[in-house]
Amino acid sequence: MRILIASSIYPGALEKLREQHDVICAFNAKQDELKPLIADREVLIFRSGVQITAAVMECAPDLKLLLRAGSGIDNLDMDYVREHGLRLVRIPGPGAKAVAEMSFALMLALSRNILEADRLTRQGHWAKQELTGHLLRGKVLGIVGAGNIGSLTGSMGAAWGMEVLGCVERPTATTAEKLKEKNIRLTTFDEVVSRSDYLSLHVPLGEKTRHMINAEVLARMKPGAFLINLARGGVVDEAALYQALASGHLRGAGMDVHAAEGHGKISPLADLNNVILTPHIGAGAFDSQREIGAIVLETIATFRPEAAVEYVNGHVPVTVI
């Protein structure tokens, strides 16, 4: 098959795809760069960091399969996908495990002042009596977006001895029961925000979630709480978060995603010492990317372009693996 890979994937999978198919790579290319490259492609593989717009896809009359090597699709024009009957396959499972573990990496690093302890120790300053920290055990972990990633994060929190609260956009009795099995209590967004010692965000970016964590919501958070964002940068109003952190209302924040991402971009939170900033590496664990690569290979090997596309209630057919 003729494949365009617009984001980096596991090297072993890329090598096998090149052996078996006609492959073009254009990692994180701009729209104008993608247009000529996608012209004769049948398959597009992508992650975050690249915009897959209608203008790009309309340049590819033979395009039949979109493979999102991960979870979020906020960088994909879903209206175009729906209107043109393209098959979309998402692979959120492997990355979910990595993101959930990253949540705890940030929580632990913030709670135990690990970055500051490392910095002082490298300078020869033995700060054993100066650095104090906080346990996760016995604290309240709030999950905003208790879906695939959020519920896994919550279940890990329960295993650490935390009380876990979660909220979802459309709560149902079935959802509540499934979360209860993972020791997560489904409740309202307001309770999650106001009771959490650690508030972990796991929602997609859209009209309803853009700046959902704003000044008013931050003011309702428990004094001394921590905010962890592994969702999308636009979910948090970074200017409002700066004020909440600088004032001491929040004790700290771990931000793996940012409103502006890429080389040369500097977070407005960069001058705060109670913030950990990482470059959108939550799903980037080696093991997870290797697993995603294997699923990409299997999906392409079994894909049949001539297969009929079925719609349910007018929605685009999305396969989640």
Protein backbone atom coordinates (compact mmCIF):
# COMPACT_ATOMS: atom_id res chain seq x y z
CA MET A 1 0.00 0.00 0.00
CA ARG A 2 1.02 3.63 -0.45
CA ILE A 3 1.55 5.09 3.01
CA LEU A 4 2.38 8.54 4.36
CA ILE A 5 3.74 8.60 7.91
CA ALA A 6 3.31 12.12 9.30
CA SER A 7 4.63 11.42 12.82
CA SER A 8 7.45 9.31 14.21
CA ILE A 9 6.55 5.73 15.13
CA TYR A 10 8.48 2.82 16.62
CA PRO A 11 11.59 2.31 14.42
CA GLY A 12 11.09 -1.44 14.11
CA ALA A 13 7.56 -0.95 12.77
CA LEU A 14 8.75 1.73 10.37
CA GLU A 15 11.43 -0.59 9.03
CA LYS A 16 8.92 -3.38 8.37
CA LEU A 17 6.49 -1.00 6.71
CA ARG A 18 9.26 0.14 4.37
CA GLU A 19 10.05 -3.46 3.49
CA GLN A 20 6.45 -4.29 2.63
CA HIS A 21 4.93 -1.05 1.32
CA ASP A 22 5.58 2.20 -0.51
CA VAL A 23 6.31 4.54 2.42
CA ILE A 24 6.93 8.28 2.59
CA CYS A 25 7.92 9.89 5.91
CA ALA A 26 7.28 13.54 6.72
CA PHE A 27 7.37 13.81 10.49
CA ASN A 28 5.48 16.83 11.87
CA ALA A 29 5.43 18.51 8.48
CA LYS A 30 3.43 21.66 7.86
CA GLN A 31 0.23 21.65 5.82
CA ASP A 32 1.87 22.93 2.64
CA GLU A 33 4.53 20.24 2.90
CA LEU A 34 1.98 17.46 3.39
CA LYS A 35 -0.23 18.37 0.44
CA PRO A 36 2.05 17.16 -2.38
CA LEU A 37 3.27 14.16 -0.38
CA ILE A 38 -0.20 12.79 0.37
CA ALA A 39 -1.45 13.14 -3.21
CA ASP A 40 -1.29 9.43 -4.16
CA ARG A 41 -1.36 7.91 -0.66
CA GLU A 42 -3.91 5.32 0.51
CA VAL A 43 -2.96 5.30 4.20
CA LEU A 44 -2.01 8.10 6.59
CA ILE A 45 -0.35 7.38 9.94
CA PHE A 46 -0.10 10.22 12.44
CA ARG A 47 0.14 11.23 16.09
CA SER A 48 -0.11 14.61 17.81
CA GLY A 49 2.09 17.48 16.66
CA VAL A 50 0.80 17.55 13.09
CA GLN A 51 -2.43 19.07 11.75
CA ILE A 52 -4.44 16.79 9.47
CA THR A 53 -6.79 19.32 7.91
CA ALA A 54 -9.44 19.02 5.24
CA ALA A 55 -7.13 20.93 2.92
CA VAL A 56 -4.51 18.21 3.35
CA MET A 57 -6.86 15.24 2.96
CA GLU A 58 -8.65 16.62 -0.09
CA CYS A 59 -5.33 16.40 -1.92
CA ALA A 60 -5.47 12.60 -1.55
CA PRO A 61 -8.29 11.13 -3.66
CA ASP A 62 -7.10 7.58 -2.94
CA LEU A 63 -6.95 8.02 0.85
CA LYS A 64 -8.91 5.27 2.60
CA LEU A 65 -7.38 4.64 6.03
CA LEU A 66 -6.32 6.99 8.81
CA LEU A 67 -4.26 5.45 11.60
CA ARG A 68 -3.99 7.52 14.77
CA ALA A 69 -1.05 5.94 16.58
CA GLY A 70 -2.45 7.03 19.91
CA SER A 71 -5.59 8.56 21.34
CA GLY A 72 -6.56 12.20 20.70
CA ILE A 73 -8.04 13.37 17.40
CA ASP A 74 -8.23 17.11 18.06
CA ASN A 75 -5.68 17.60 15.25
CA LEU A 76 -7.88 15.79 12.69
CA ASP A 77 -10.76 17.35 10.71
CA MET A 78 -13.47 14.87 11.64
CA ASP A 79 -16.08 16.54 9.44
CA TYR A 80 -14.01 15.70 6.38
CA VAL A 81 -13.44 12.14 7.58
CA ARG A 82 -17.18 11.67 8.10
CA GLU A 83 -18.24 13.22 4.81
CA HIS A 84 -15.81 11.16 2.75
CA GLY A 85 -16.31 7.81 4.48
CA LEU A 86 -12.71 7.36 5.53
CA ARG A 87 -11.87 4.59 7.94
CA LEU A 88 -10.28 5.87 11.15
CA VAL A 89 -8.44 3.57 13.54
CA ARG A 90 -7.32 4.85 16.95
CA ILE A 91 -4.83 2.99 19.14
CA PRO A 92 -5.22 4.50 22.62
CA GLY A 93 -4.57 1.47 24.82
CA PRO A 94 -0.75 1.23 24.89
CA GLY A 95 -0.27 4.97 25.30
CA ALA A 96 -2.83 5.06 28.09
CA LYS A 97 -0.58 2.96 30.29
CA ALA A 98 2.34 5.30 29.67
CA VAL A 99 0.29 8.44 30.33
CA ALA A 100 -1.13 7.02 33.55
CA GLU A 101 2.35 6.22 34.83
CA MET A 102 3.54 9.68 33.79
CA SER A 103 0.79 11.16 35.96
CA PHE A 104 2.36 9.48 38.95
CA ALA A 105 5.87 10.46 37.91
CA LEU A 106 4.76 14.11 38.02
CA MET A 107 2.79 13.71 41.25
CA LEU A 108 5.70 12.06 43.03
CA ALA A 109 8.29 14.50 41.71
CA LEU A 110 6.19 17.45 42.86
CA SER A 111 5.22 15.94 46.21
CA ARG A 112 8.77 15.04 47.19
CA ASN A 113 10.56 18.06 45.66
CA ILE A 114 12.70 15.71 43.62
CA LEU A 115 13.90 18.24 41.04
CA GLU A 116 14.96 20.72 43.73
CA ALA A 117 16.60 17.98 45.78
CA ASP A 118 18.57 16.87 42.73
CA ARG A 119 19.65 20.43 41.88
CA LEU A 120 20.86 21.19 45.40
CA THR A 121 22.66 17.87 45.79
CA ARG A 122 24.55 18.43 42.51
CA GLN A 123 25.70 21.77 43.96
CA GLY A 124 27.03 20.06 47.09
CA HIS A 125 24.22 21.37 49.28
CA TRP A 126 22.99 18.60 51.62
CA ALA A 127 19.37 19.74 52.08
CA LYS A 128 18.10 16.75 54.03
CA GLN A 129 16.69 18.91 56.83
CA GLU A 130 15.31 21.59 54.50
CA LEU A 131 13.29 19.56 52.04
CA THR A 132 9.97 18.19 53.18
CA GLY A 133 7.34 16.44 51.11
CA HIS A 134 3.89 14.93 51.02
CA LEU A 135 2.59 11.39 50.78
CA LEU A 136 0.17 10.31 48.05
CA ARG A 137 -1.35 7.69 50.34
CA GLY A 138 -4.43 8.99 52.10
CA LYS A 139 -4.86 11.91 49.70
CA VAL A 140 -7.74 12.56 47.30
CA LEU A 141 -6.99 12.05 43.61
CA GLY A 142 -9.46 13.71 41.28
CA ILE A 143 -9.77 12.56 37.68
CA VAL A 144 -11.34 14.97 35.20
CA GLY A 145 -12.20 12.70 32.29
CA ALA A 146 -12.40 9.21 33.80
CA GLY A 147 -12.27 7.43 30.44
CA ASN A 148 -9.66 5.09 29.06
CA ILE A 149 -6.61 6.95 30.42
CA GLY A 150 -8.28 8.63 33.37
CA SER A 151 -9.78 5.46 34.80
CA LEU A 152 -6.43 3.69 34.56
CA THR A 153 -4.80 6.59 36.40
CA GLY A 154 -7.54 6.40 39.01
CA SER A 155 -7.16 2.67 39.54
CA MET A 156 -3.43 3.16 40.06
CA GLY A 157 -4.22 5.88 42.61
CA ALA A 158 -6.52 3.51 44.48
CA ALA A 159 -3.71 0.96 44.59
CA TRP A 160 -1.52 3.63 46.22
CA GLY A 161 -4.11 4.08 48.93
CA MET A 162 -5.68 7.27 47.58
CA GLU A 163 -9.35 8.14 47.61
CA VAL A 164 -10.25 8.50 43.95
CA LEU A 165 -13.02 10.68 42.53
CA GLY A 166 -13.84 10.89 38.85
CA CYS A 167 -16.14 12.74 36.51
CA VAL A 168 -17.17 12.26 32.89
CA GLU A 169 -19.08 14.37 30.39
CA ARG A 170 -22.11 12.05 30.25
CA PRO A 171 -22.45 10.16 33.56
CA THR A 172 -24.61 7.04 33.60
CA ALA A 173 -25.34 4.28 36.08
CA THR A 174 -23.33 1.89 33.89
CA THR A 175 -20.33 4.20 33.91
CA ALA A 176 -20.59 4.60 37.68
CA GLU A 177 -20.60 0.83 38.14
CA LYS A 178 -17.59 0.30 35.86
CA LEU A 179 -15.63 2.97 37.68
CA LYS A 180 -16.65 1.55 41.05
CA GLU A 181 -15.05 -1.74 40.02
CA LYS A 182 -11.81 0.23 39.67
CA ASN A 183 -12.30 1.87 43.09
CA ILE A 184 -13.22 5.22 41.53
CA ARG A 185 -16.31 7.04 42.72
CA LEU A 186 -18.15 8.83 39.94
CA THR A 187 -19.28 12.28 41.03
CA THR A 188 -19.66 15.82 39.73
CA PHE A 189 -17.00 18.02 38.22
CA ASP A 190 -17.53 20.47 41.08
CA GLU A 191 -16.81 17.88 43.76
CA VAL A 192 -13.78 16.55 41.93
CA VAL A 193 -12.34 20.07 41.67
CA SER A 194 -13.08 21.16 45.23
CA ARG A 195 -12.01 17.99 47.09
CA SER A 196 -8.88 16.88 45.24
CA ASP A 197 -5.39 17.13 46.64
CA TYR A 198 -4.18 16.09 43.19
CA LEU A 199 -6.29 17.01 40.15
CA SER A 200 -5.32 15.04 37.04
CA LEU A 201 -6.74 16.05 33.65
CA HIS A 202 -7.53 13.48 30.95
CA VAL A 203 -10.05 15.05 28.56
CA PRO A 204 -9.87 15.69 24.82
CA LEU A 205 -9.57 19.25 23.58
CA GLY A 206 -12.73 20.69 22.08
CA GLU A 207 -15.12 23.59 22.37
CA LYS A 208 -16.45 22.35 25.71
CA THR A 209 -13.05 21.67 27.26
CA ARG A 210 -10.98 24.60 26.02
CA HIS A 211 -9.94 26.55 29.15
CA MET A 212 -12.27 24.41 31.26
CA ILE A 213 -9.65 24.88 33.99
CA ASN A 214 -9.89 28.66 34.25
CA ALA A 215 -9.45 31.21 37.04
CA GLU A 216 -12.86 30.46 38.54
CA VAL A 217 -12.23 26.71 38.64
CA LEU A 218 -8.72 27.12 39.99
CA ALA A 219 -10.07 29.32 42.79
CA ARG A 220 -12.38 26.45 43.82
CA MET A 221 -9.51 24.00 44.12
CA LYS A 222 -8.33 23.06 47.60
CA PRO A 223 -5.56 25.36 48.87
CA GLY A 224 -2.25 23.56 48.53
CA ALA A 225 -3.49 21.18 45.82
CA PHE A 226 -1.49 20.03 42.81
CA LEU A 227 -2.64 20.18 39.17
CA ILE A 228 -1.46 17.58 36.65
CA ASN A 229 -2.18 18.06 32.95
CA LEU A 230 -1.56 15.25 30.48
CA ALA A 231 -4.60 16.05 28.36
CA ARG A 232 -4.05 18.97 25.99
CA GLY A 233 -2.50 22.37 26.69
CA GLY A 234 -5.61 24.30 25.71
CA VAL A 235 -7.63 22.66 28.48
CA VAL A 236 -5.90 24.93 31.03
CA ASP A 237 -5.85 28.73 31.05
CA GLU A 238 -2.11 29.07 31.62
CA ALA A 239 -2.28 32.74 32.63
CA ALA A 240 -4.82 31.90 35.33
CA LEU A 241 -2.74 28.92 36.44
CA TYR A 242 0.32 31.15 36.75
CA GLN A 243 -1.55 33.38 39.18
CA ALA A 244 -2.82 30.43 41.21
CA LEU A 245 0.72 29.06 41.53
CA ALA A 246 2.48 32.36 42.12
CA SER A 247 0.01 33.32 44.85
CA GLY A 248 0.56 30.03 46.66
CA HIS A 249 -3.07 28.93 46.29
CA LEU A 250 -1.84 25.84 44.45
CA ARG A 251 1.26 24.09 45.72
CA GLY A 252 2.46 22.94 42.32
CA ALA A 253 1.67 21.77 38.81
CA GLY A 254 2.97 19.16 36.39
CA MET A 255 2.42 20.10 32.74
CA ASP A 256 3.26 17.64 29.98
CA VAL A 257 1.10 19.50 27.44
CA HIS A 258 1.11 23.20 26.63
CA ALA A 259 -0.90 25.82 24.79
CA ALA A 260 2.11 26.42 22.52
CA GLU A 261 4.27 23.39 21.74
CA GLY A 262 7.37 22.86 19.63
CA HIS A 263 10.96 24.02 19.32
CA GLY A 264 11.51 27.57 20.52
CA LYS A 265 8.27 27.70 22.52
CA ILE A 266 8.70 28.66 26.17
CA SER A 267 5.88 28.12 28.63
CA PRO A 268 4.63 31.18 30.53
CA LEU A 269 5.06 29.00 33.64
CA ALA A 270 8.78 28.51 33.02
CA ASP A 271 9.98 30.92 35.68
CA LEU A 272 8.05 29.21 38.50
CA ASN A 273 9.99 26.74 40.63
CA ASN A 274 6.88 24.84 41.73
CA VAL A 275 6.11 23.63 38.20
CA ILE A 276 7.47 20.68 36.24
CA LEU A 277 7.36 21.13 32.46
CA THR A 278 7.87 18.24 30.04
CA PRO A 279 7.57 18.22 26.22
CA HIS A 280 4.43 16.13 25.62
CA ILE A 281 6.17 12.83 26.39
CA GLY A 282 3.35 11.20 28.36
CA ALA A 283 2.66 8.45 25.82
CA GLY A 284 6.27 8.18 24.72
CA ALA A 285 7.36 5.15 26.72
CA PHE A 286 9.44 2.75 24.63
CA ASP A 287 7.26 -0.24 25.51
CA SER A 288 4.03 1.55 24.59
CA GLN A 289 5.37 2.78 21.25
CA ARG A 290 6.61 -0.71 20.40
CA GLU A 291 3.13 -2.10 21.13
CA ILE A 292 1.50 0.63 19.03
CA GLY A 293 3.90 -0.17 16.20
CA ALA A 294 2.88 -3.83 16.26
CA ILE A 295 -0.80 -2.85 16.08
CA VAL A 296 -0.10 -0.49 13.17
CA LEU A 297 1.53 -3.35 11.26
CA GLU A 298 -1.33 -5.73 11.98
CA THR A 299 -3.98 -3.15 11.06
CA ILE A 300 -2.41 -2.38 7.70
CA ALA A 301 -1.83 -6.08 6.97
CA THR A 302 -5.52 -6.88 7.52
CA PHE A 303 -7.04 -3.72 6.02
CA ARG A 304 -9.21 -4.25 2.95
CA PRO A 305 -9.91 -0.99 1.08
CA GLU A 306 -12.86 -2.52 -0.72
CA ALA A 307 -14.66 -3.39 2.54
CA ALA A 308 -17.91 -1.54 3.04
CA VAL A 309 -17.94 1.30 5.56
CA GLU A 310 -20.85 1.14 7.98
CA TYR A 311 -22.22 4.14 9.83
CA VAL A 312 -24.12 4.07 13.10
CA ASN A 313 -26.52 6.98 13.63
CA GLY A 314 -24.57 9.04 11.12
CA HIS A 315 -21.29 8.86 13.05
CA VAL A 316 -17.96 8.27 11.40
CA PRO A 317 -16.79 4.66 11.81
CA VAL A 318 -13.95 4.72 14.33
CA THR A 319 -12.18 1.55 15.33
CA VAL A 320 -10.51 1.68 18.73
CA ILE A 321 -7.78 -0.89 19.37
